[in-house]
Amino acid sequence: MTKKMIMVFIVALFLAACSDTAPPNETVIAGHEEWASLPEYPTIIEEIEDGDYKFETVSDNQEKRILLLSDKEGVEQYKSIFIKNTDRLILTDIDDGGEIFNAVLKQ
């Protein structure tokens, strides 16, 4: 009886270890939990420089959502515009005034 239990345990352990389901690769920065559900969040985090940014909603209506990202000192660094009906994200660097991302997000 003991040998059967050990064998069942080993088989179960082996099958669990061979599972091909991996946890989703989602990066959520601490303090950004409320923003992480937004469809544009992963792309924003990918595109901006490493750093701790504070998100602020400027406007959020049926057509678009505008977010400002400020650094630790409160200086606005990036502006995000998400066009909802087309899923287009436009991300600009406020200091350089340059557009760093402008594309339709894949769903």
N, C-alpha and C. Protein backbone atom coordinates (compact mmCIF):
# COMPACT_ATOMS: atom_id res chain seq x y z
N MET A 1 0.81 -1.19 0.00
CA MET A 1 0.00 0.00 0.00
C MET A 1 0.86 1.26 0.00
N THR A 2 1.92 1.27 0.81
CA THR A 2 2.81 2.41 0.89
C THR A 2 3.52 2.65 -0.44
N LYS A 3 3.93 1.56 -1.10
CA LYS A 3 4.61 1.69 -2.38
C LYS A 3 3.68 2.31 -3.42
N LYS A 4 2.41 1.93 -3.39
CA LYS A 4 1.44 2.49 -4.34
C LYS A 4 1.25 3.99 -4.09
N MET A 5 1.17 4.38 -2.84
CA MET A 5 1.00 5.80 -2.50
C MET A 5 2.21 6.61 -2.94
N ILE A 6 3.40 6.06 -2.71
CA ILE A 6 4.61 6.75 -3.13
C ILE A 6 4.65 6.87 -4.65
N MET A 7 4.28 5.80 -5.35
CA MET A 7 4.27 5.81 -6.81
C MET A 7 3.26 6.85 -7.34
N VAL A 8 2.08 6.91 -6.75
CA VAL A 8 1.06 7.89 -7.16
C VAL A 8 1.58 9.31 -6.93
N PHE A 9 2.22 9.54 -5.80
CA PHE A 9 2.78 10.85 -5.48
C PHE A 9 3.86 11.25 -6.49
N ILE A 10 4.74 10.32 -6.81
CA ILE A 10 5.82 10.60 -7.77
C ILE A 10 5.25 10.91 -9.15
N VAL A 11 4.27 10.14 -9.59
CA VAL A 11 3.65 10.37 -10.90
C VAL A 11 2.96 11.74 -10.91
N ALA A 12 2.24 12.06 -9.85
CA ALA A 12 1.55 13.36 -9.77
C ALA A 12 2.56 14.50 -9.79
N LEU A 13 3.64 14.35 -9.06
CA LEU A 13 4.68 15.37 -9.03
C LEU A 13 5.32 15.53 -10.40
N PHE A 14 5.59 14.43 -11.07
CA PHE A 14 6.19 14.46 -12.40
C PHE A 14 5.27 15.16 -13.40
N LEU A 15 3.99 14.82 -13.36
CA LEU A 15 3.03 15.42 -14.29
C LEU A 15 2.87 16.92 -14.04
N ALA A 16 2.87 17.30 -12.79
CA ALA A 16 2.74 18.72 -12.47
C ALA A 16 3.97 19.49 -12.93
N ALA A 17 5.14 18.89 -12.80
CA ALA A 17 6.38 19.55 -13.21
C ALA A 17 6.47 19.67 -14.72
N CYS A 18 5.83 18.78 -15.45
CA CYS A 18 5.88 18.80 -16.91
C CYS A 18 4.79 19.65 -17.54
N SER A 19 4.01 20.28 -16.75
CA SER A 19 2.92 21.11 -17.27
C SER A 19 3.49 22.23 -18.12
N ASP A 20 2.82 22.53 -19.23
CA ASP A 20 3.31 23.59 -20.12
C ASP A 20 2.61 24.92 -19.88
N THR A 21 1.85 25.02 -18.83
CA THR A 21 1.20 26.29 -18.53
C THR A 21 2.12 27.11 -17.66
N ALA A 22 2.48 28.26 -18.15
CA ALA A 22 3.34 29.16 -17.40
C ALA A 22 2.50 30.33 -16.90
N PRO A 23 2.91 30.92 -15.80
CA PRO A 23 2.17 32.08 -15.33
C PRO A 23 2.27 33.21 -16.35
N PRO A 24 1.24 34.03 -16.47
CA PRO A 24 1.29 35.12 -17.44
C PRO A 24 2.44 36.07 -17.14
N ASN A 25 3.05 36.57 -18.20
CA ASN A 25 4.18 37.48 -18.06
C ASN A 25 3.65 38.91 -17.97
N GLU A 26 3.21 39.28 -16.80
CA GLU A 26 2.68 40.61 -16.59
C GLU A 26 3.57 41.33 -15.60
N THR A 27 4.00 42.50 -15.97
CA THR A 27 4.82 43.29 -15.09
C THR A 27 3.96 44.41 -14.53
N VAL A 28 3.75 44.39 -13.23
CA VAL A 28 3.01 45.45 -12.57
C VAL A 28 3.93 46.04 -11.53
N ILE A 29 4.23 47.30 -11.67
CA ILE A 29 5.11 47.98 -10.74
C ILE A 29 4.33 48.30 -9.47
N ALA A 30 4.98 48.14 -8.33
CA ALA A 30 4.33 48.41 -7.05
C ALA A 30 3.75 49.82 -7.04
N GLY A 31 2.51 49.92 -6.59
CA GLY A 31 1.84 51.21 -6.55
C GLY A 31 1.05 51.52 -7.81
N HIS A 32 1.16 50.67 -8.82
CA HIS A 32 0.46 50.89 -10.10
C HIS A 32 -0.71 49.93 -10.29
N GLU A 33 -1.16 49.30 -9.23
CA GLU A 33 -2.20 48.28 -9.36
C GLU A 33 -3.45 48.82 -10.06
N GLU A 34 -3.86 50.05 -9.73
CA GLU A 34 -5.08 50.59 -10.34
C GLU A 34 -4.89 50.89 -11.83
N TRP A 35 -3.67 51.11 -12.27
CA TRP A 35 -3.40 51.42 -13.67
C TRP A 35 -3.15 50.15 -14.49
N ALA A 36 -2.76 49.08 -13.83
CA ALA A 36 -2.37 47.85 -14.52
C ALA A 36 -3.50 47.23 -15.34
N SER A 37 -4.73 47.54 -15.02
CA SER A 37 -5.86 46.97 -15.77
C SER A 37 -6.11 47.71 -17.08
N LEU A 38 -5.47 48.84 -17.28
CA LEU A 38 -5.66 49.59 -18.53
C LEU A 38 -4.97 48.87 -19.68
N PRO A 39 -5.58 48.84 -20.86
CA PRO A 39 -4.97 48.11 -21.98
C PRO A 39 -3.63 48.71 -22.43
N GLU A 40 -3.43 49.99 -22.18
CA GLU A 40 -2.19 50.63 -22.62
C GLU A 40 -1.05 50.51 -21.60
N TYR A 41 -1.34 50.08 -20.39
CA TYR A 41 -0.33 50.04 -19.32
C TYR A 41 0.93 49.24 -19.69
N PRO A 42 0.81 47.99 -20.15
CA PRO A 42 2.05 47.24 -20.45
C PRO A 42 2.93 47.92 -21.49
N THR A 43 2.32 48.54 -22.49
CA THR A 43 3.10 49.21 -23.52
C THR A 43 3.79 50.45 -22.97
N ILE A 44 3.09 51.19 -22.13
CA ILE A 44 3.70 52.38 -21.51
C ILE A 44 4.92 51.97 -20.71
N ILE A 45 4.78 50.94 -19.89
CA ILE A 45 5.89 50.48 -19.05
C ILE A 45 7.06 49.99 -19.92
N GLU A 46 6.76 49.33 -21.03
CA GLU A 46 7.81 48.86 -21.95
C GLU A 46 8.57 50.02 -22.58
N GLU A 47 7.86 51.07 -22.95
CA GLU A 47 8.44 52.15 -23.75
C GLU A 47 9.18 53.22 -22.95
N ILE A 48 8.78 53.46 -21.71
CA ILE A 48 9.44 54.53 -20.95
C ILE A 48 10.71 54.00 -20.31
N GLU A 49 11.58 54.93 -19.97
CA GLU A 49 12.82 54.57 -19.30
C GLU A 49 12.50 53.98 -17.94
N ASP A 50 13.43 53.17 -17.44
CA ASP A 50 13.24 52.62 -16.10
C ASP A 50 13.13 53.76 -15.10
N GLY A 51 12.21 53.62 -14.22
CA GLY A 51 12.04 54.65 -13.20
C GLY A 51 10.71 54.50 -12.51
N ASP A 52 10.56 55.22 -11.43
CA ASP A 52 9.32 55.18 -10.66
C ASP A 52 8.50 56.40 -11.05
N TYR A 53 7.42 56.17 -11.76
CA TYR A 53 6.58 57.26 -12.23
C TYR A 53 5.21 57.21 -11.58
N LYS A 54 4.68 58.40 -11.33
CA LYS A 54 3.33 58.52 -10.78
C LYS A 54 2.39 58.80 -11.94
N PHE A 55 1.31 58.02 -12.03
CA PHE A 55 0.32 58.19 -13.09
C PHE A 55 -0.76 59.15 -12.61
N GLU A 56 -1.21 60.03 -13.50
CA GLU A 56 -2.30 60.95 -13.20
C GLU A 56 -3.23 61.01 -14.41
N THR A 57 -4.52 60.84 -14.18
CA THR A 57 -5.49 60.92 -15.27
C THR A 57 -5.85 62.37 -15.51
N VAL A 58 -5.60 62.85 -16.73
CA VAL A 58 -5.97 64.21 -17.11
C VAL A 58 -7.42 64.20 -17.58
N SER A 59 -7.76 63.25 -18.45
CA SER A 59 -9.14 63.08 -18.89
C SER A 59 -9.37 61.63 -19.29
N ASP A 60 -10.60 61.21 -19.13
CA ASP A 60 -10.98 59.84 -19.50
C ASP A 60 -12.45 59.89 -19.90
N ASN A 61 -12.69 59.91 -21.21
CA ASN A 61 -14.06 59.95 -21.70
C ASN A 61 -14.27 58.82 -22.70
N GLN A 62 -15.36 58.85 -23.43
CA GLN A 62 -15.67 57.75 -24.36
C GLN A 62 -14.68 57.66 -25.51
N GLU A 63 -14.08 58.78 -25.91
CA GLU A 63 -13.18 58.77 -27.05
C GLU A 63 -11.72 58.47 -26.70
N LYS A 64 -11.23 59.08 -25.62
CA LYS A 64 -9.81 58.93 -25.32
C LYS A 64 -9.53 59.07 -23.83
N ARG A 65 -8.33 58.58 -23.45
CA ARG A 65 -7.84 58.70 -22.08
C ARG A 65 -6.46 59.34 -22.16
N ILE A 66 -6.27 60.40 -21.40
CA ILE A 66 -4.98 61.08 -21.36
C ILE A 66 -4.39 60.93 -19.96
N LEU A 67 -3.17 60.42 -19.92
CA LEU A 67 -2.45 60.23 -18.66
C LEU A 67 -1.16 61.04 -18.68
N LEU A 68 -0.78 61.55 -17.53
CA LEU A 68 0.53 62.18 -17.36
C LEU A 68 1.34 61.33 -16.40
N LEU A 69 2.60 61.13 -16.72
CA LEU A 69 3.51 60.38 -15.86
C LEU A 69 4.55 61.33 -15.31
N SER A 70 4.62 61.43 -13.99
CA SER A 70 5.55 62.34 -13.33
C SER A 70 6.61 61.53 -12.59
N ASP A 71 7.81 62.11 -12.49
CA ASP A 71 8.89 61.44 -11.76
C ASP A 71 8.72 61.64 -10.25
N LYS A 72 9.70 61.19 -9.48
CA LYS A 72 9.63 61.26 -8.02
C LYS A 72 9.52 62.69 -7.51
N GLU A 73 10.10 63.63 -8.25
CA GLU A 73 10.07 65.03 -7.84
C GLU A 73 8.78 65.73 -8.27
N GLY A 74 7.91 65.01 -8.98
CA GLY A 74 6.64 65.58 -9.43
C GLY A 74 6.72 66.27 -10.78
N VAL A 75 7.86 66.16 -11.46
CA VAL A 75 8.04 66.78 -12.78
C VAL A 75 7.43 65.86 -13.84
N GLU A 76 6.54 66.41 -14.65
CA GLU A 76 5.89 65.62 -15.70
C GLU A 76 6.92 65.22 -16.76
N GLN A 77 6.98 63.92 -17.05
CA GLN A 77 7.97 63.39 -17.98
C GLN A 77 7.35 62.88 -19.27
N TYR A 78 6.19 62.21 -19.17
CA TYR A 78 5.56 61.59 -20.33
C TYR A 78 4.07 61.89 -20.36
N LYS A 79 3.54 61.91 -21.57
CA LYS A 79 2.10 62.07 -21.78
C LYS A 79 1.63 60.90 -22.63
N SER A 80 0.54 60.27 -22.19
CA SER A 80 -0.02 59.12 -22.88
C SER A 80 -1.42 59.48 -23.36
N ILE A 81 -1.70 59.24 -24.63
CA ILE A 81 -3.03 59.44 -25.19
C ILE A 81 -3.47 58.11 -25.78
N PHE A 82 -4.56 57.56 -25.25
CA PHE A 82 -5.10 56.30 -25.73
C PHE A 82 -6.43 56.57 -26.40
N ILE A 83 -6.50 56.34 -27.72
CA ILE A 83 -7.73 56.53 -28.50
C ILE A 83 -8.51 55.22 -28.40
N LYS A 84 -9.65 55.26 -27.74
CA LYS A 84 -10.36 54.03 -27.38
C LYS A 84 -10.97 53.29 -28.57
N ASN A 85 -11.58 54.01 -29.51
CA ASN A 85 -12.27 53.29 -30.60
C ASN A 85 -11.32 52.61 -31.58
N THR A 86 -10.07 53.03 -31.61
CA THR A 86 -9.10 52.40 -32.51
C THR A 86 -7.98 51.66 -31.75
N ASP A 87 -7.97 51.76 -30.43
CA ASP A 87 -6.91 51.17 -29.59
C ASP A 87 -5.53 51.71 -29.94
N ARG A 88 -5.46 52.96 -30.36
CA ARG A 88 -4.18 53.59 -30.69
C ARG A 88 -3.61 54.26 -29.44
N LEU A 89 -2.32 54.03 -29.22
CA LEU A 89 -1.61 54.66 -28.11
C LEU A 89 -0.55 55.60 -28.68
N ILE A 90 -0.57 56.83 -28.18
CA ILE A 90 0.44 57.82 -28.54
C ILE A 90 1.14 58.20 -27.24
N LEU A 91 2.44 58.02 -27.22
CA LEU A 91 3.23 58.29 -26.02
C LEU A 91 4.30 59.30 -26.39
N THR A 92 4.34 60.42 -25.66
CA THR A 92 5.32 61.47 -25.95
C THR A 92 6.17 61.76 -24.72
N ASP A 93 7.41 62.13 -24.99
CA ASP A 93 8.34 62.56 -23.96
C ASP A 93 8.17 64.07 -23.84
N ILE A 94 7.72 64.54 -22.69
CA ILE A 94 7.42 65.96 -22.52
C ILE A 94 8.67 66.81 -22.59
N ASP A 95 9.78 66.36 -21.99
CA ASP A 95 11.03 67.14 -22.00
C ASP A 95 11.56 67.33 -23.42
N ASP A 96 11.67 66.23 -24.16
CA ASP A 96 12.21 66.29 -25.51
C ASP A 96 11.16 66.70 -26.53
N GLY A 97 9.90 66.62 -26.13
CA GLY A 97 8.82 66.97 -27.05
C GLY A 97 8.66 65.96 -28.16
N GLY A 98 9.30 64.82 -28.01
CA GLY A 98 9.28 63.82 -29.07
C GLY A 98 8.29 62.70 -28.84
N GLU A 99 7.75 62.22 -29.92
CA GLU A 99 6.85 61.09 -29.88
C GLU A 99 7.70 59.82 -29.79
N ILE A 100 7.45 58.99 -28.79
CA ILE A 100 8.25 57.77 -28.65
C ILE A 100 7.47 56.52 -29.00
N PHE A 101 6.15 56.66 -29.14
CA PHE A 101 5.34 55.51 -29.54
C PHE A 101 4.05 56.03 -30.15
N ASN A 102 3.66 55.43 -31.29
CA ASN A 102 2.40 55.78 -31.93
C ASN A 102 1.98 54.58 -32.77
N ALA A 103 1.11 53.75 -32.20
CA ALA A 103 0.69 52.54 -32.91
C ALA A 103 -0.61 52.02 -32.31
N VAL A 104 -1.26 51.17 -33.09
CA VAL A 104 -2.46 50.49 -32.61
C VAL A 104 -2.01 49.29 -31.79
N LEU A 105 -2.56 49.16 -30.60
CA LEU A 105 -2.19 48.05 -29.72
C LEU A 105 -2.88 46.78 -30.16
N LYS A 106 -2.17 45.68 -30.08
CA LYS A 106 -2.73 44.38 -30.44
C LYS A 106 -3.51 43.86 -29.25
N GLN A 107 -4.69 43.39 -29.48
CA GLN A 107 -5.53 42.87 -28.39
C GLN A 107 -5.50 41.38 -28.37
